[in-house]
Amino acid sequence: MLLFLFMGRLAGLQDPLYILSGVNFPVAVLPKSLQAISYSLPLTRGIAAARQALNGADWLSIEPLVTGELLIGLVYIIAGYFFWVCFI
């Protein structure tokens, strides 16, 4: 029962994440303040790279997005590790 309550709360975070990461529409249409938040999320650059790849872009044009995605992922992994070690 507790697991279902927890999963329900996590499901409520999906919609803002989809909006801010550019799943439903490009991040460029968001206000500048929300764009700054969007680019700190780990999904944003990956979704932009996938969009460009599906539109026929070559590797050189999507490489900065993929590299940024890897760096953001690394930052999140390190932050998660330190959170785990310090608080749990």
Foldseek 3Di string as FASTA:
>chain_A
DVVVVVVVVVVVVVVVLCVLQAVVHQNVVDPPVSVVVNLLDLRNLVVVLVVCVVVPDDCVVSVVSVVSSVVSVVVVVVVVVVCVVPPD
